PDB file of all heavy atoms in Angstrom:
ATOM      1  N   ILE A   1     102.895  47.495 -22.596  1.00  0.00           N
ATOM      2  CA  ILE A   1     102.047  47.821 -21.458  1.00  0.00           C
ATOM      3  C   ILE A   1     100.986  48.822 -21.900  1.00  0.00           C
ATOM      4  O   ILE A   1     101.288  49.825 -22.525  1.00  0.00           O
ATOM      5  CB  ILE A   1     102.885  48.421 -20.310  1.00  0.00           C
ATOM      6  CG1 ILE A   1     103.892  47.400 -19.799  1.00  0.00           C
ATOM      7  CG2 ILE A   1     101.991  48.912 -19.184  1.00  0.00           C
ATOM      8  CD1 ILE A   1     104.894  47.953 -18.826  1.00  0.00           C
ATOM      9  N   LYS A   2      99.737  48.526 -21.581  1.00  0.00           N
ATOM     10  CA  LYS A   2      98.626  49.414 -21.906  1.00  0.00           C
ATOM     11  C   LYS A   2      98.188  50.083 -20.605  1.00  0.00           C
ATOM     12  O   LYS A   2      97.604  49.443 -19.728  1.00  0.00           O
ATOM     13  CB  LYS A   2      97.482  48.607 -22.522  1.00  0.00           C
ATOM     14  CG  LYS A   2      96.198  49.352 -22.706  1.00  0.00           C
ATOM     15  CD  LYS A   2      96.207  50.218 -23.918  1.00  0.00           C
ATOM     16  CE  LYS A   2      94.806  50.770 -24.129  1.00  0.00           C
ATOM     17  NZ  LYS A   2      94.713  51.653 -25.221  1.00  0.00           N
ATOM     18  N   VAL A   3      98.511  51.371 -20.464  1.00  0.00           N
ATOM     19  CA  VAL A   3      98.103  52.140 -19.294  1.00  0.00           C
ATOM     20  C   VAL A   3      96.846  52.916 -19.663  1.00  0.00           C
ATOM     21  O   VAL A   3      96.782  53.522 -20.734  1.00  0.00           O
ATOM     22  CB  VAL A   3      99.224  53.103 -18.838  1.00  0.00           C
ATOM     23  CG1 VAL A   3      98.762  53.959 -17.667  1.00  0.00           C
ATOM     24  CG2 VAL A   3     100.473  52.314 -18.457  1.00  0.00           C
ATOM     25  N   VAL A   4      95.865  52.874 -18.772  1.00  0.00           N
ATOM     26  CA  VAL A   4      94.605  53.585 -19.004  1.00  0.00           C
ATOM     27  C   VAL A   4      94.294  54.470 -17.809  1.00  0.00           C
ATOM     28  O   VAL A   4      94.763  54.240 -16.700  1.00  0.00           O
ATOM     29  CB  VAL A   4      93.426  52.617 -19.255  1.00  0.00           C
ATOM     30  CG1 VAL A   4      93.624  51.839 -20.544  1.00  0.00           C
ATOM     31  CG2 VAL A   4      93.212  51.681 -18.082  1.00  0.00           C
ATOM     32  N   VAL A   5      93.504  55.490 -18.078  1.00  0.00           N
ATOM     33  CA  VAL A   5      92.943  56.302 -17.018  1.00  0.00           C
ATOM     34  C   VAL A   5      91.439  56.061 -17.024  1.00  0.00           C
ATOM     35  O   VAL A   5      90.801  56.066 -18.074  1.00  0.00           O
ATOM     36  CB  VAL A   5      93.308  57.801 -17.170  1.00  0.00           C
ATOM     37  CG1 VAL A   5      92.825  58.370 -18.470  1.00  0.00           C
ATOM     38  CG2 VAL A   5      92.779  58.614 -16.010  1.00  0.00           C
ATOM     39  N   LEU A   6      90.902  55.762 -15.841  1.00  0.00           N
ATOM     40  CA  LEU A   6      89.482  55.463 -15.685  1.00  0.00           C
ATOM     41  C   LEU A   6      88.852  56.542 -14.817  1.00  0.00           C
ATOM     42  O   LEU A   6      89.394  56.897 -13.763  1.00  0.00           O
ATOM     43  CB  LEU A   6      89.285  54.113 -14.993  1.00  0.00           C
ATOM     44  CG  LEU A   6      89.981  52.907 -15.613  1.00  0.00           C
ATOM     45  CD1 LEU A   6      89.870  51.708 -14.684  1.00  0.00           C
ATOM     46  CD2 LEU A   6      89.404  52.607 -16.974  1.00  0.00           C
ATOM     47  N   LYS A   7      87.728  57.057 -15.235  1.00  0.00           N
ATOM     48  CA  LYS A   7      86.928  57.955 -14.396  1.00  0.00           C
ATOM     49  C   LYS A   7      85.759  57.126 -13.905  1.00  0.00           C
ATOM     50  O   LYS A   7      84.964  56.606 -14.698  1.00  0.00           O
ATOM     51  CB  LYS A   7      86.437  59.161 -15.206  1.00  0.00           C
ATOM     52  CG  LYS A   7      85.729  60.184 -14.374  1.00  0.00           C
ATOM     53  CD  LYS A   7      86.688  60.852 -13.389  1.00  0.00           C
ATOM     54  CE  LYS A   7      86.019  62.068 -12.746  1.00  0.00           C
ATOM     55  NZ  LYS A   7      86.941  62.810 -11.917  1.00  0.00           N
ATOM     56  N   LEU A   8      85.670  56.946 -12.595  1.00  0.00           N
ATOM     57  CA  LEU A   8      84.646  56.096 -11.999  1.00  0.00           C
ATOM     58  C   LEU A   8      83.437  56.919 -11.553  1.00  0.00           C
ATOM     59  O   LEU A   8      83.549  58.122 -11.333  1.00  0.00           O
ATOM     60  CB  LEU A   8      85.223  55.343 -10.797  1.00  0.00           C
ATOM     61  CG  LEU A   8      86.480  54.506 -11.068  1.00  0.00           C
ATOM     62  CD1 LEU A   8      86.925  53.806  -9.790  1.00  0.00           C
ATOM     63  CD2 LEU A   8      86.251  53.513 -12.183  1.00  0.00           C
ATOM     64  N   VAL A   9      82.298  56.270 -11.405  1.00  0.00           N
ATOM     65  CA  VAL A   9      81.082  56.958 -10.971  1.00  0.00           C
ATOM     66  C   VAL A   9      81.260  57.570  -9.582  1.00  0.00           C
ATOM     67  O   VAL A   9      80.557  58.514  -9.227  1.00  0.00           O
ATOM     68  CB  VAL A   9      79.831  56.039 -11.012  1.00  0.00           C
ATOM     69  CG1 VAL A   9      79.521  55.602 -12.420  1.00  0.00           C
ATOM     70  CG2 VAL A   9      79.980  54.854 -10.090  1.00  0.00           C
ATOM     71  N   SER A  10      82.202  57.088  -8.808  1.00  0.00           N
ATOM     72  CA  SER A  10      82.490  57.637  -7.478  1.00  0.00           C
ATOM     73  C   SER A  10      83.209  58.975  -7.555  1.00  0.00           C
ATOM     74  O   SER A  10      83.356  59.655  -6.549  1.00  0.00           O
ATOM     75  CB  SER A  10      83.357  56.651  -6.692  1.00  0.00           C
ATOM     76  OG  SER A  10      84.613  56.497  -7.352  1.00  0.00           O
ATOM     77  N   GLY A  11      83.682  59.331  -8.764  1.00  0.00           N
ATOM     78  CA  GLY A  11      84.443  60.562  -8.947  1.00  0.00           C
ATOM     79  C   GLY A  11      85.940  60.333  -8.965  1.00  0.00           C
ATOM     80  O   GLY A  11      86.698  61.238  -9.311  1.00  0.00           O
ATOM     81  N   GLU A  12      86.375  59.148  -8.574  1.00  0.00           N
ATOM     82  CA  GLU A  12      87.807  58.854  -8.572  1.00  0.00           C
ATOM     83  C   GLU A  12      88.342  58.767  -9.996  1.00  0.00           C
ATOM     84  O   GLU A  12      87.663  58.298 -10.901  1.00  0.00           O
ATOM     85  CB  GLU A  12      88.075  57.522  -7.868  1.00  0.00           C
ATOM     86  CG  GLU A  12      87.770  57.537  -6.397  1.00  0.00           C
ATOM     87  CD  GLU A  12      87.834  56.148  -5.804  1.00  0.00           C
ATOM     88  OE1 GLU A  12      87.134  55.256  -6.317  1.00  0.00           O
ATOM     89  OE2 GLU A  12      88.574  55.971  -4.831  1.00  0.00           O
ATOM     90  N   GLU A  13      89.580  59.218 -10.145  1.00  0.00           N
ATOM     91  CA  GLU A  13      90.305  59.058 -11.403  1.00  0.00           C
ATOM     92  C   GLU A  13      91.432  58.070 -11.119  1.00  0.00           C
ATOM     93  O   GLU A  13      92.251  58.298 -10.224  1.00  0.00           O
ATOM     94  CB  GLU A  13      90.868  60.411 -11.848  1.00  0.00           C
ATOM     95  CG  GLU A  13      91.444  60.401 -13.228  1.00  0.00           C
ATOM     96  CD  GLU A  13      91.796  61.801 -13.707  1.00  0.00           C
ATOM     97  OE1 GLU A  13      91.033  62.742 -13.437  1.00  0.00           O
ATOM     98  OE2 GLU A  13      92.852  61.934 -14.347  1.00  0.00           O
ATOM     99  N   VAL A  14      91.458  56.961 -11.842  1.00  0.00           N
ATOM    100  CA  VAL A  14      92.368  55.863 -11.559  1.00  0.00           C
ATOM    101  C   VAL A  14      93.259  55.606 -12.766  1.00  0.00           C
ATOM    102  O   VAL A  14      92.774  55.472 -13.891  1.00  0.00           O
ATOM    103  CB  VAL A  14      91.586  54.572 -11.209  1.00  0.00           C
ATOM    104  CG1 VAL A  14      92.532  53.406 -10.965  1.00  0.00           C
ATOM    105  CG2 VAL A  14      90.689  54.798 -10.001  1.00  0.00           C
ATOM    106  N   LEU A  15      94.569  55.529 -12.524  1.00  0.00           N
ATOM    107  CA  LEU A  15      95.525  55.083 -13.539  1.00  0.00           C
ATOM    108  C   LEU A  15      95.852  53.630 -13.241  1.00  0.00           C
ATOM    109  O   LEU A  15      96.054  53.259 -12.070  1.00  0.00           O
ATOM    110  CB  LEU A  15      96.814  55.900 -13.469  1.00  0.00           C
ATOM    111  CG  LEU A  15      96.742  57.302 -14.029  1.00  0.00           C
ATOM    112  CD1 LEU A  15      97.895  58.145 -13.513  1.00  0.00           C
ATOM    113  CD2 LEU A  15      96.752  57.267 -15.541  1.00  0.00           C
ATOM    114  N   ALA A  16      95.899  52.792 -14.274  1.00  0.00           N
ATOM    115  CA  ALA A  16      96.174  51.370 -14.066  1.00  0.00           C
ATOM    116  C   ALA A  16      96.683  50.742 -15.347  1.00  0.00           C
ATOM    117  O   ALA A  16      96.518  51.288 -16.444  1.00  0.00           O
ATOM    118  CB  ALA A  16      94.907  50.647 -13.611  1.00  0.00           C
ATOM    119  N   LYS A  17      97.287  49.586 -15.198  1.00  0.00           N
ATOM    120  CA  LYS A  17      97.665  48.772 -16.355  1.00  0.00           C
ATOM    121  C   LYS A  17      96.466  47.903 -16.718  1.00  0.00           C
ATOM    122  O   LYS A  17      95.971  47.150 -15.880  1.00  0.00           O
ATOM    123  CB  LYS A  17      98.865  47.886 -16.029  1.00  0.00           C
ATOM    124  CG  LYS A  17     100.132  48.661 -15.761  1.00  0.00           C
ATOM    125  CD  LYS A  17     101.267  47.703 -15.437  1.00  0.00           C
ATOM    126  CE  LYS A  17     102.530  48.449 -15.097  1.00  0.00           C
ATOM    127  NZ  LYS A  17     103.637  47.522 -14.763  1.00  0.00           N
ATOM    128  N   LEU A  18      95.989  48.013 -17.949  1.00  0.00           N
ATOM    129  CA  LEU A  18      94.866  47.193 -18.403  1.00  0.00           C
ATOM    130  C   LEU A  18      95.402  45.835 -18.818  1.00  0.00           C
ATOM    131  O   LEU A  18      96.177  45.718 -19.766  1.00  0.00           O
ATOM    132  CB  LEU A  18      94.138  47.865 -19.568  1.00  0.00           C
ATOM    133  CG  LEU A  18      92.937  47.118 -20.125  1.00  0.00           C
ATOM    134  CD1 LEU A  18      91.839  46.973 -19.075  1.00  0.00           C
ATOM    135  CD2 LEU A  18      92.400  47.822 -21.358  1.00  0.00           C
ATOM    136  N   GLU A  19      95.005  44.808 -18.100  1.00  0.00           N
ATOM    137  CA  GLU A  19      95.469  43.444 -18.381  1.00  0.00           C
ATOM    138  C   GLU A  19      94.570  42.764 -19.411  1.00  0.00           C
ATOM    139  O   GLU A  19      95.045  42.119 -20.330  1.00  0.00           O
ATOM    140  CB  GLU A  19      95.528  42.623 -17.094  1.00  0.00           C
ATOM    141  CG  GLU A  19      96.459  43.193 -16.029  1.00  0.00           C
ATOM    142  CD  GLU A  19      97.913  43.178 -16.435  1.00  0.00           C
ATOM    143  OE1 GLU A  19      98.301  42.400 -17.333  1.00  0.00           O
ATOM    144  OE2 GLU A  19      98.697  43.958 -15.844  1.00  0.00           O
ATOM    145  N   ARG A  20      93.263  42.917 -19.219  1.00  0.00           N
ATOM    146  CA  ARG A  20      92.278  42.329 -20.150  1.00  0.00           C
ATOM    147  C   ARG A  20      90.905  42.848 -19.760  1.00  0.00           C
ATOM    148  O   ARG A  20      90.739  43.483 -18.734  1.00  0.00           O
ATOM    149  CB  ARG A  20      92.325  40.808 -20.122  1.00  0.00           C
ATOM    150  CG  ARG A  20      91.985  40.181 -18.802  1.00  0.00           C
ATOM    151  CD  ARG A  20      92.298  38.679 -18.762  1.00  0.00           C
ATOM    152  NE  ARG A  20      92.087  38.137 -17.439  1.00  0.00           N
ATOM    153  CZ  ARG A  20      92.938  38.244 -16.428  1.00  0.00           C
ATOM    154  NH1 ARG A  20      94.068  38.883 -16.580  1.00  0.00           N
ATOM    155  NH2 ARG A  20      92.657  37.714 -15.245  1.00  0.00           N
ATOM    156  N   GLU A  21      89.927  42.548 -20.596  1.00  0.00           N
ATOM    157  CA  GLU A  21      88.551  42.906 -20.268  1.00  0.00           C
ATOM    158  C   GLU A  21      87.609  41.874 -20.844  1.00  0.00           C
ATOM    159  O   GLU A  21      87.943  41.154 -21.783  1.00  0.00           O
ATOM    160  CB  GLU A  21      88.210  44.312 -20.753  1.00  0.00           C
ATOM    161  CG  GLU A  21      88.244  44.515 -22.245  1.00  0.00           C
ATOM    162  CD  GLU A  21      87.892  45.947 -22.629  1.00  0.00           C
ATOM    163  OE1 GLU A  21      86.727  46.355 -22.436  1.00  0.00           O
ATOM    164  OE2 GLU A  21      88.781  46.636 -23.137  1.00  0.00           O
ATOM    165  N   ASP A  22      86.431  41.800 -20.238  1.00  0.00           N
ATOM    166  CA  ASP A  22      85.375  40.959 -20.775  1.00  0.00           C
ATOM    167  C   ASP A  22      84.098  41.794 -20.806  1.00  0.00           C
ATOM    168  O   ASP A  22      84.164  43.011 -20.685  1.00  0.00           O
ATOM    169  CB  ASP A  22      85.224  39.651 -19.976  1.00  0.00           C
ATOM    170  CG  ASP A  22      84.879  39.863 -18.513  1.00  0.00           C
ATOM    171  OD1 ASP A  22      84.241  40.885 -18.171  1.00  0.00           O
ATOM    172  OD2 ASP A  22      85.231  38.998 -17.696  1.00  0.00           O
ATOM    173  N   ASP A  23      82.963  41.161 -20.960  1.00  0.00           N
ATOM    174  CA  ASP A  23      81.710  41.909 -21.069  1.00  0.00           C
ATOM    175  C   ASP A  23      81.338  42.647 -19.781  1.00  0.00           C
ATOM    176  O   ASP A  23      80.619  43.640 -19.822  1.00  0.00           O
ATOM    177  CB  ASP A  23      80.555  40.968 -21.452  1.00  0.00           C
ATOM    178  CG  ASP A  23      80.701  40.437 -22.862  1.00  0.00           C
ATOM    179  OD1 ASP A  23      81.412  41.061 -23.667  1.00  0.00           O
ATOM    180  OD2 ASP A  23      80.094  39.394 -23.156  1.00  0.00           O
ATOM    181  N   THR A  24      81.839  42.178 -18.645  1.00  0.00           N
ATOM    182  CA  THR A  24      81.423  42.717 -17.349  1.00  0.00           C
ATOM    183  C   THR A  24      82.510  43.505 -16.631  1.00  0.00           C
ATOM    184  O   THR A  24      82.218  44.489 -15.964  1.00  0.00           O
ATOM    185  CB  THR A  24      80.969  41.568 -16.430  1.00  0.00           C
ATOM    186  OG1 THR A  24      80.000  40.774 -17.122  1.00  0.00           O
ATOM    187  CG2 THR A  24      80.348  42.084 -15.157  1.00  0.00           C
ATOM    188  N   PHE A  25      83.773  43.076 -16.763  1.00  0.00           N
ATOM    189  CA  PHE A  25      84.853  43.654 -15.964  1.00  0.00           C
ATOM    190  C   PHE A  25      86.017  44.148 -16.811  1.00  0.00           C
ATOM    191  O   PHE A  25      86.323  43.586 -17.865  1.00  0.00           O
ATOM    192  CB  PHE A  25      85.415  42.615 -14.981  1.00  0.00           C
ATOM    193  CG  PHE A  25      84.463  42.216 -13.902  1.00  0.00           C
ATOM    194  CD1 PHE A  25      83.772  41.025 -13.975  1.00  0.00           C
ATOM    195  CD2 PHE A  25      84.254  43.041 -12.807  1.00  0.00           C
ATOM    196  CE1 PHE A  25      82.888  40.645 -12.985  1.00  0.00           C
ATOM    197  CE2 PHE A  25      83.368  42.670 -11.806  1.00  0.00           C
ATOM    198  CZ  PHE A  25      82.687  41.474 -11.892  1.00  0.00           C
ATOM    199  N   LEU A  26      86.685  45.187 -16.283  1.00  0.00           N
ATOM    200  CA  LEU A  26      88.026  45.555 -16.724  1.00  0.00           C
ATOM    201  C   LEU A  26      88.955  44.931 -15.694  1.00  0.00           C
ATOM    202  O   LEU A  26      88.766  45.118 -14.485  1.00  0.00           O
ATOM    203  CB  LEU A  26      88.215  47.069 -16.716  1.00  0.00           C
ATOM    204  CG  LEU A  26      87.342  47.866 -17.667  1.00  0.00           C
ATOM    205  CD1 LEU A  26      87.526  49.357 -17.407  1.00  0.00           C
ATOM    206  CD2 LEU A  26      87.687  47.544 -19.106  1.00  0.00           C
ATOM    207  N   VAL A  27      89.924  44.166 -16.136  1.00  0.00           N
ATOM    208  CA  VAL A  27      90.884  43.556 -15.227  1.00  0.00           C
ATOM    209  C   VAL A  27      92.158  44.390 -15.325  1.00  0.00           C
ATOM    210  O   VAL A  27      92.759  44.498 -16.393  1.00  0.00           O
ATOM    211  CB  VAL A  27      91.148  42.084 -15.592  1.00  0.00           C
ATOM    212  CG1 VAL A  27      92.147  41.470 -14.629  1.00  0.00           C
ATOM    213  CG2 VAL A  27      89.838  41.295 -15.599  1.00  0.00           C
ATOM    214  N   VAL A  28      92.539  45.003 -14.192  1.00  0.00           N
ATOM    215  CA  VAL A  28      93.684  45.903 -14.169  1.00  0.00           C
ATOM    216  C   VAL A  28      94.673  45.467 -13.098  1.00  0.00           C
ATOM    217  O   VAL A  28      94.342  44.701 -12.187  1.00  0.00           O
ATOM    218  CB  VAL A  28      93.250  47.362 -13.912  1.00  0.00           C
ATOM    219  CG1 VAL A  28      92.294  47.848 -14.997  1.00  0.00           C
ATOM    220  CG2 VAL A  28      92.635  47.542 -12.540  1.00  0.00           C
ATOM    221  N   SER A  29      95.891  45.973 -13.210  1.00  0.00           N
ATOM    222  CA  SER A  29      96.897  45.781 -12.168  1.00  0.00           C
ATOM    223  C   SER A  29      97.506  47.134 -11.829  1.00  0.00           C
ATOM    224  O   SER A  29      97.438  48.075 -12.620  1.00  0.00           O
ATOM    225  CB  SER A  29      97.975  44.792 -12.624  1.00  0.00           C
ATOM    226  OG  SER A  29      98.677  45.292 -13.739  1.00  0.00           O
ATOM    227  N   LYS A  30      98.057  47.219 -10.645  1.00  0.00           N
ATOM    228  CA  LYS A  30      98.730  48.419 -10.140  1.00  0.00           C
ATOM    229  C   LYS A  30      97.880  49.694 -10.246  1.00  0.00           C
ATOM    230  O   LYS A  30      98.351  50.723 -10.718  1.00  0.00           O
ATOM    231  CB  LYS A  30     100.071  48.602 -10.826  1.00  0.00           C
ATOM    232  CG  LYS A  30     100.993  47.408 -10.635  1.00  0.00           C
ATOM    233  CD  LYS A  30     102.392  47.692 -11.068  1.00  0.00           C
ATOM    234  CE  LYS A  30     103.266  46.469 -10.938  1.00  0.00           C
ATOM    235  NZ  LYS A  30     103.796  46.200  -9.666  1.00  0.00           N
ATOM    236  N   PRO A  31      96.622  49.642  -9.804  1.00  0.00           N
ATOM    237  CA  PRO A  31      95.784  50.840  -9.883  1.00  0.00           C
ATOM    238  C   PRO A  31      96.214  51.898  -8.865  1.00  0.00           C
ATOM    239  O   PRO A  31      96.518  51.582  -7.712  1.00  0.00           O
ATOM    240  CB  PRO A  31      94.383  50.314  -9.573  1.00  0.00           C
ATOM    241  CG  PRO A  31      94.615  49.128  -8.703  1.00  0.00           C
ATOM    242  CD  PRO A  31      95.899  48.508  -9.203  1.00  0.00           C
ATOM    243  N   MET A  32      96.242  53.137  -9.305  1.00  0.00           N
ATOM    244  CA  MET A  32      96.602  54.273  -8.463  1.00  0.00           C
ATOM    245  C   MET A  32      95.560  55.374  -8.667  1.00  0.00           C
ATOM    246  O   MET A  32      95.181  55.660  -9.806  1.00  0.00           O
ATOM    247  CB  MET A  32      97.983  54.808  -8.825  1.00  0.00           C
ATOM    248  CG  MET A  32      99.105  53.782  -8.720  1.00  0.00           C
ATOM    249  SD  MET A  32      99.504  53.343  -7.034  1.00  0.00           S
ATOM    250  CE  MET A  32     100.549  54.696  -6.593  1.00  0.00           C
ATOM    251  N   VAL A  33      95.135  55.994  -7.586  1.00  0.00           N
ATOM    252  CA  VAL A  33      94.164  57.085  -7.644  1.00  0.00           C
ATOM    253  C   VAL A  33      94.919  58.401  -7.788  1.00  0.00           C
ATOM    254  O   VAL A  33      95.905  58.652  -7.081  1.00  0.00           O
ATOM    255  CB  VAL A  33      93.289  57.121  -6.369  1.00  0.00           C
ATOM    256  CG1 VAL A  33      92.354  58.317  -6.377  1.00  0.00           C
ATOM    257  CG2 VAL A  33      92.502  55.832  -6.244  1.00  0.00           C
ATOM    258  N   VAL A  34      94.460  59.240  -8.707  1.00  0.00           N
ATOM    259  CA  VAL A  34      95.033  60.569  -8.901  1.00  0.00           C
ATOM    260  C   VAL A  34      94.436  61.494  -7.843  1.00  0.00           C
ATOM    261  O   VAL A  34      93.218  61.564  -7.703  1.00  0.00           O
ATOM    262  CB  VAL A  34      94.712  61.103 -10.319  1.00  0.00           C
ATOM    263  CG1 VAL A  34      95.256  62.509 -10.503  1.00  0.00           C
ATOM    264  CG2 VAL A  34      95.247  60.160 -11.387  1.00  0.00           C
TER     265      VAL A  34
END
C-alpha cells in the first residue's frame, strides 16, 4: 500500500492510498482530510 499526503491549493492536507496516476490525475482511495 502506498499512502501519500497531498497538500492541495485549497489548503487542505489529505492522506490517501495512491492507486495510480496519469498525466492529469492522481487516482486515490480512502482520502481523509487532516
